[in-house]
Amino acid sequence: MTTPESQRRQLTKWLKSHGIELELMQHAPLASSRCADVLGVERPGVRLKNLFLRDNYGRQHFILVIPYDKQVDLKALSKQMQLSRLGFASKERLARYLATEPGHLSLLNWWADKQHAVKLWLDESLDPQQIWQCHPFDNRYTALVDPQQRLAFFRALKRQPQVISVPSIRE
């Protein structure tokens, strides 16, 4: 697997070739959505949590994008999506399907899925009119992705995400 930095550069080059230029903010590595709080990193836009999931048989894979503070009820989501028990995919699967490491995942990793083996699910509670914060393969950077840039990204990929109602765990 290539380095997060080289993947970020390849993605940036591909985005520019499709007329998409994202503002990048550099910061200390943020391995999880909560690290920004601990480190006091301030960025414009909506912070997200990105989960890489697989079905029980490992035949289907999903990037799930949700609000950073949402706790997903995977059992309920499995039932809702009519899938055998959803669970977290391994770091090996993350590398194989999305060419990244844990802590570097965002919807931008969909670009690396050349075989179209991964579906992208967006929680319906996310405001589509907001700027979304996304790691561009490298958790030392945050790309600020506005609604028009997201649409252009999906058009360039010739793929559309599925907007779903993600059940949460009642705390």
Protein backbone atom coordinates (compact mmCIF):
# COMPACT_ATOMS: atom_id res chain seq x y z
CA MET A 1 0.00 0.00 0.00
CA THR A 2 1.19 3.49 -0.73
CA THR A 3 1.61 6.08 2.00
CA PRO A 4 -1.23 8.35 3.16
CA GLU A 5 0.70 11.31 1.75
CA SER A 6 1.09 9.77 -1.71
CA GLN A 7 -2.58 8.74 -1.74
CA ARG A 8 -3.57 12.31 -0.77
CA ARG A 9 -1.47 13.68 -3.62
CA GLN A 10 -2.94 11.22 -6.14
CA LEU A 11 -6.47 12.08 -4.99
CA THR A 12 -5.75 15.82 -5.19
CA LYS A 13 -4.41 15.42 -8.73
CA TRP A 14 -7.49 13.40 -9.76
CA LEU A 15 -9.85 15.94 -8.19
CA LYS A 16 -8.14 18.83 -10.00
CA SER A 17 -8.37 16.92 -13.29
CA HIS A 18 -12.15 16.92 -12.72
CA GLY A 19 -12.31 20.62 -11.80
CA ILE A 20 -12.66 19.98 -8.07
CA GLU A 21 -10.33 21.93 -5.78
CA LEU A 22 -10.72 21.38 -2.05
CA GLU A 23 -9.42 23.61 0.69
CA LEU A 24 -7.02 21.56 2.81
CA MET A 25 -6.19 22.33 6.41
CA GLN A 26 -3.09 20.77 7.92
CA HIS A 27 -3.05 19.80 11.61
CA ALA A 28 -1.80 17.19 14.06
CA PRO A 29 -2.90 13.62 13.15
CA LEU A 30 -6.56 13.01 14.03
CA ALA A 31 -7.07 9.25 14.25
CA SER A 32 -10.68 9.54 15.44
CA SER A 33 -13.51 12.05 15.38
CA ARG A 34 -12.92 12.86 19.06
CA CYS A 35 -9.21 13.68 18.66
CA ALA A 36 -10.02 17.19 17.42
CA ASP A 37 -11.61 17.96 20.81
CA VAL A 38 -8.62 16.64 22.73
CA LEU A 39 -6.14 18.56 20.57
CA GLY A 40 -8.32 21.68 20.28
CA VAL A 41 -8.33 21.61 16.46
CA GLU A 42 -10.85 24.07 15.04
CA ARG A 43 -12.06 23.71 11.47
CA PRO A 44 -15.08 25.10 9.63
CA GLY A 45 -17.85 22.73 8.64
CA VAL A 46 -19.41 19.59 10.05
CA ARG A 47 -17.28 16.94 11.72
CA LEU A 48 -18.09 13.40 10.60
CA LYS A 49 -17.52 9.83 11.75
CA ASN A 50 -16.64 7.31 9.04
CA LEU A 51 -17.06 3.58 9.59
CA PHE A 52 -15.96 0.78 7.30
CA LEU A 53 -18.41 -2.08 7.61
CA ARG A 54 -18.89 -5.52 6.09
CA ASP A 55 -21.68 -8.05 6.15
CA ASN A 56 -21.29 -11.27 8.14
CA TYR A 57 -19.97 -13.16 5.12
CA GLY A 58 -17.50 -10.45 4.05
CA ARG A 59 -19.13 -10.21 0.63
CA GLN A 60 -20.48 -6.68 0.93
CA HIS A 61 -18.63 -3.61 2.19
CA PHE A 62 -19.81 -0.14 3.15
CA ILE A 63 -18.47 3.25 4.13
CA LEU A 64 -20.96 4.66 6.62
CA VAL A 65 -20.80 8.43 7.18
CA ILE A 66 -22.61 9.72 10.26
CA PRO A 67 -22.44 12.69 12.65
CA TYR A 68 -19.28 12.44 14.76
CA ASP A 69 -21.19 11.92 17.99
CA LYS A 70 -23.69 9.29 16.80
CA GLN A 71 -23.53 5.74 18.19
CA VAL A 72 -24.81 3.30 15.56
CA ASP A 73 -27.00 0.33 16.43
CA LEU A 74 -25.42 -2.14 14.00
CA LYS A 75 -27.93 -4.88 14.80
CA ALA A 76 -30.85 -2.60 13.90
CA LEU A 77 -29.02 -1.28 10.83
CA SER A 78 -28.39 -4.86 9.63
CA LYS A 79 -32.07 -5.66 9.96
CA GLN A 80 -33.14 -2.42 8.30
CA MET A 81 -30.81 -2.96 5.32
CA GLN A 82 -31.71 -6.68 5.14
CA LEU A 83 -28.12 -7.79 5.61
CA SER A 84 -26.60 -10.55 7.66
CA ARG A 85 -24.99 -9.10 10.76
CA LEU A 86 -23.01 -5.95 9.96
CA GLY A 87 -19.67 -5.54 11.67
CA PHE A 88 -16.49 -3.56 11.41
CA ALA A 89 -14.22 -4.60 8.56
CA SER A 90 -10.60 -5.43 9.34
CA LYS A 91 -7.67 -3.15 8.63
CA GLU A 92 -6.65 -5.64 5.94
CA ARG A 93 -10.00 -5.20 4.17
CA LEU A 94 -9.69 -1.42 4.57
CA ALA A 95 -6.32 -1.55 2.83
CA ARG A 96 -7.53 -3.94 0.11
CA TYR A 97 -10.76 -2.16 -0.80
CA LEU A 98 -10.02 1.50 -0.01
CA ALA A 99 -6.21 1.73 0.01
CA THR A 100 -6.05 3.29 3.44
CA GLU A 101 -5.34 2.63 7.10
CA PRO A 102 -7.55 2.94 10.19
CA GLY A 103 -7.95 6.57 11.20
CA HIS A 104 -7.67 7.89 7.63
CA LEU A 105 -11.12 6.95 6.28
CA SER A 106 -13.62 9.39 4.77
CA LEU A 107 -16.06 9.44 1.88
CA LEU A 108 -13.14 10.58 -0.29
CA ASN A 109 -11.70 7.05 -0.03
CA TRP A 110 -14.51 5.91 -2.32
CA TRP A 111 -12.24 7.15 -5.10
CA ALA A 112 -9.88 4.21 -4.44
CA ASP A 113 -12.67 1.63 -4.93
CA LYS A 114 -11.92 0.96 -8.59
CA GLN A 115 -13.85 -2.34 -8.56
CA HIS A 116 -17.03 -0.66 -7.19
CA ALA A 117 -17.06 -3.22 -4.38
CA VAL A 118 -17.92 -0.71 -1.64
CA LYS A 119 -21.20 1.14 -1.17
CA LEU A 120 -21.32 4.58 0.42
CA TRP A 121 -24.08 5.20 2.96
CA LEU A 122 -24.78 8.73 4.20
CA ASP A 123 -26.91 9.23 7.29
CA GLU A 124 -30.01 11.26 6.46
CA SER A 125 -29.41 13.39 9.58
CA LEU A 126 -26.36 14.98 7.92
CA ASP A 127 -27.13 18.43 6.53
CA PRO A 128 -26.38 18.22 2.80
CA GLN A 129 -26.08 22.04 2.63
CA GLN A 130 -23.15 22.15 5.05
CA ILE A 131 -19.43 21.90 4.41
CA TRP A 132 -18.26 18.43 5.46
CA GLN A 133 -14.85 17.74 6.96
CA CYS A 134 -13.14 14.79 5.27
CA HIS A 135 -9.67 13.30 5.55
CA PRO A 136 -8.13 13.05 2.08
CA PHE A 137 -6.44 9.66 2.81
CA ASP A 138 -4.25 11.44 5.37
CA ASN A 139 -5.45 12.24 8.88
CA ARG A 140 -2.96 15.11 9.11
CA TYR A 141 -5.23 17.03 6.73
CA THR A 142 -8.88 17.94 6.59
CA ALA A 143 -10.52 18.70 3.26
CA LEU A 144 -13.45 21.10 3.49
CA VAL A 145 -15.98 19.70 1.03
CA ASP A 146 -18.98 21.86 0.16
CA PRO A 147 -22.23 20.51 -1.33
CA GLN A 148 -21.30 21.36 -4.94
CA GLN A 149 -17.90 19.72 -4.59
CA ARG A 150 -19.51 16.56 -3.18
CA LEU A 151 -21.90 16.39 -6.11
CA ALA A 152 -19.03 16.94 -8.56
CA PHE A 153 -17.02 14.21 -6.80
CA PHE A 154 -19.88 11.70 -7.14
CA ARG A 155 -20.46 12.68 -10.78
CA ALA A 156 -16.76 12.25 -11.56
CA LEU A 157 -16.85 8.79 -9.95
CA LYS A 158 -20.05 8.00 -11.88
CA ARG A 159 -21.52 6.70 -8.60
CA GLN A 160 -24.11 7.88 -6.13
CA PRO A 161 -24.20 7.30 -2.39
CA GLN A 162 -27.29 5.97 -0.69
CA VAL A 163 -28.89 8.23 1.94
CA ILE A 164 -30.28 6.12 4.77
CA SER A 165 -31.79 6.54 8.20
CA VAL A 166 -29.12 5.20 10.56
CA PRO A 167 -30.52 3.84 13.83
CA SER A 168 -28.66 4.89 16.94
CA ILE A 169 -28.11 3.23 20.27
CA ARG A 170 -30.28 4.74 22.95
CA GLU A 171 -27.99 5.84 25.73
